[in-house]
Amino acid sequence: MDSAGRLVLPREIRDQANLEPGMPLRIVFRDGRVEIEPAPREVRVVRKGRMRVAVPVEESDALRSNTVREATASVRELRRKTGETNAAPNAVAAAADTLPPV
């Protein structure tokens, strides 16, 4: 850390965490540790045909295909664990919080 409090994360850690330059981050002090993670995007759920879709409140780049696959897998796992056949929007948002923004 430099005298201005700036911290440089090594490339290997940035790559493992899918952190990109300019990406908004959430930094918290919890249980005696500093945690850095991608800031979740605020979304609203809208109906498109028969489906409910999470739409970002702020303009952003399209999601990468691996991000969509990870979110889909998270929601399916949540449904499997809870026995839900139709995950509520809050469950989808909770699953999306674990994914890095684009």
Protein backbone atom coordinates (compact mmCIF):
# COMPACT_ATOMS: atom_id res chain seq x y z
CA MET A 1 0.00 0.00 0.00
CA ASP A 2 1.37 3.42 -0.83
CA SER A 3 1.25 6.55 1.33
CA ALA A 4 -2.07 7.61 -0.30
CA GLY A 5 -3.69 4.29 0.72
CA ARG A 6 -3.75 2.86 -2.82
CA LEU A 7 -3.39 -0.87 -3.15
CA VAL A 8 -2.24 -2.75 -6.24
CA LEU A 9 -3.68 -6.24 -6.64
CA PRO A 10 -1.35 -8.69 -8.38
CA ARG A 11 -2.47 -9.73 -11.89
CA GLU A 12 -2.88 -13.38 -10.83
CA ILE A 13 -5.39 -12.40 -8.13
CA ARG A 14 -7.23 -10.00 -10.48
CA ASP A 15 -7.47 -12.77 -13.08
CA GLN A 16 -8.70 -15.37 -10.58
CA ALA A 17 -11.33 -12.93 -9.26
CA ASN A 18 -12.36 -11.79 -12.78
CA LEU A 19 -11.58 -8.18 -11.85
CA GLU A 20 -11.32 -5.79 -14.80
CA PRO A 21 -9.91 -2.23 -14.93
CA GLY A 22 -12.61 0.33 -14.09
CA MET A 23 -14.88 -2.29 -12.50
CA PRO A 24 -16.81 -0.97 -9.48
CA LEU A 25 -15.75 -2.76 -6.31
CA ARG A 26 -17.25 -3.17 -2.86
CA ILE A 27 -14.68 -3.01 -0.06
CA VAL A 28 -15.72 -3.97 3.46
CA PHE A 29 -14.01 -4.66 6.78
CA ARG A 30 -15.52 -7.82 8.26
CA ASP A 31 -14.32 -10.11 11.04
CA GLY A 32 -10.90 -8.46 11.14
CA ARG A 33 -10.34 -8.76 7.37
CA VAL A 34 -10.59 -6.40 4.42
CA GLU A 35 -12.71 -7.98 1.68
CA ILE A 36 -12.74 -6.74 -1.91
CA GLU A 37 -15.38 -7.98 -4.32
CA PRO A 38 -17.15 -6.80 -7.46
CA ALA A 39 -19.99 -4.44 -6.57
CA PRO A 40 -23.37 -6.00 -7.41
CA ARG A 41 -25.36 -4.32 -10.13
CA GLU A 42 -28.78 -2.96 -9.28
CA VAL A 43 -31.42 -4.66 -11.41
CA ARG A 44 -35.15 -4.52 -11.79
CA VAL A 45 -37.21 -7.55 -12.76
CA VAL A 46 -39.49 -7.07 -15.76
CA ARG A 47 -41.83 -9.43 -17.55
CA LYS A 48 -40.90 -10.35 -21.11
CA GLY A 49 -43.56 -12.64 -22.48
CA ARG A 50 -43.99 -15.48 -19.99
CA MET A 51 -40.61 -14.91 -18.37
CA ARG A 52 -39.30 -12.51 -15.75
CA VAL A 53 -35.97 -10.98 -16.70
CA ALA A 54 -33.47 -9.02 -14.61
CA VAL A 55 -32.60 -5.76 -16.38
CA PRO A 56 -29.75 -3.54 -15.12
CA VAL A 57 -30.88 -0.16 -13.82
CA GLU A 58 -27.75 1.51 -15.23
CA GLU A 59 -26.47 1.04 -18.78
CA SER A 60 -23.79 -1.64 -18.96
CA ASP A 61 -22.01 -3.98 -21.33
CA ALA A 62 -23.65 -7.26 -22.26
CA LEU A 63 -22.96 -10.18 -19.94
CA ARG A 64 -20.36 -12.69 -21.04
CA SER A 65 -21.67 -16.16 -21.83
CA ASN A 66 -19.76 -17.73 -18.93
CA THR A 67 -21.40 -15.24 -16.52
CA VAL A 68 -24.85 -16.25 -17.79
CA ARG A 69 -23.97 -19.96 -17.44
CA GLU A 70 -22.75 -19.40 -13.86
CA ALA A 71 -25.91 -17.46 -12.93
CA THR A 72 -28.12 -20.13 -14.47
CA ALA A 73 -26.26 -22.85 -12.58
CA SER A 74 -26.59 -20.89 -9.30
CA VAL A 75 -30.34 -20.47 -9.74
CA ARG A 76 -30.79 -24.14 -10.67
CA GLU A 77 -28.78 -25.21 -7.61
CA LEU A 78 -30.87 -22.90 -5.41
CA ARG A 79 -34.04 -24.41 -6.85
CA ARG A 80 -32.71 -27.93 -6.30
CA LYS A 81 -31.84 -27.20 -2.67
CA THR A 82 -35.13 -25.49 -1.87
CA GLY A 83 -37.41 -27.62 -4.04
CA GLU A 84 -38.67 -24.46 -5.75
CA THR A 85 -39.73 -24.78 -9.37
CA ASN A 86 -39.96 -21.03 -9.87
CA ALA A 87 -37.21 -19.06 -8.13
CA ALA A 88 -38.39 -15.73 -6.81
CA PRO A 89 -36.77 -12.54 -8.15
CA ASN A 90 -34.95 -12.08 -4.83
CA ALA A 91 -33.36 -15.50 -5.23
CA VAL A 92 -32.20 -14.62 -8.71
CA ALA A 93 -30.80 -11.31 -7.46
CA ALA A 94 -29.02 -13.13 -4.62
CA ALA A 95 -27.46 -15.54 -7.10
CA ALA A 96 -26.46 -12.62 -9.35
CA ASP A 97 -24.74 -10.91 -6.40
CA THR A 98 -22.18 -13.70 -6.38
CA LEU A 99 -21.17 -13.02 -9.99
CA PRO A 100 -18.77 -10.37 -11.18
CA PRO A 101 -20.23 -7.47 -13.13
CA VAL A 102 -19.07 -6.97 -16.70
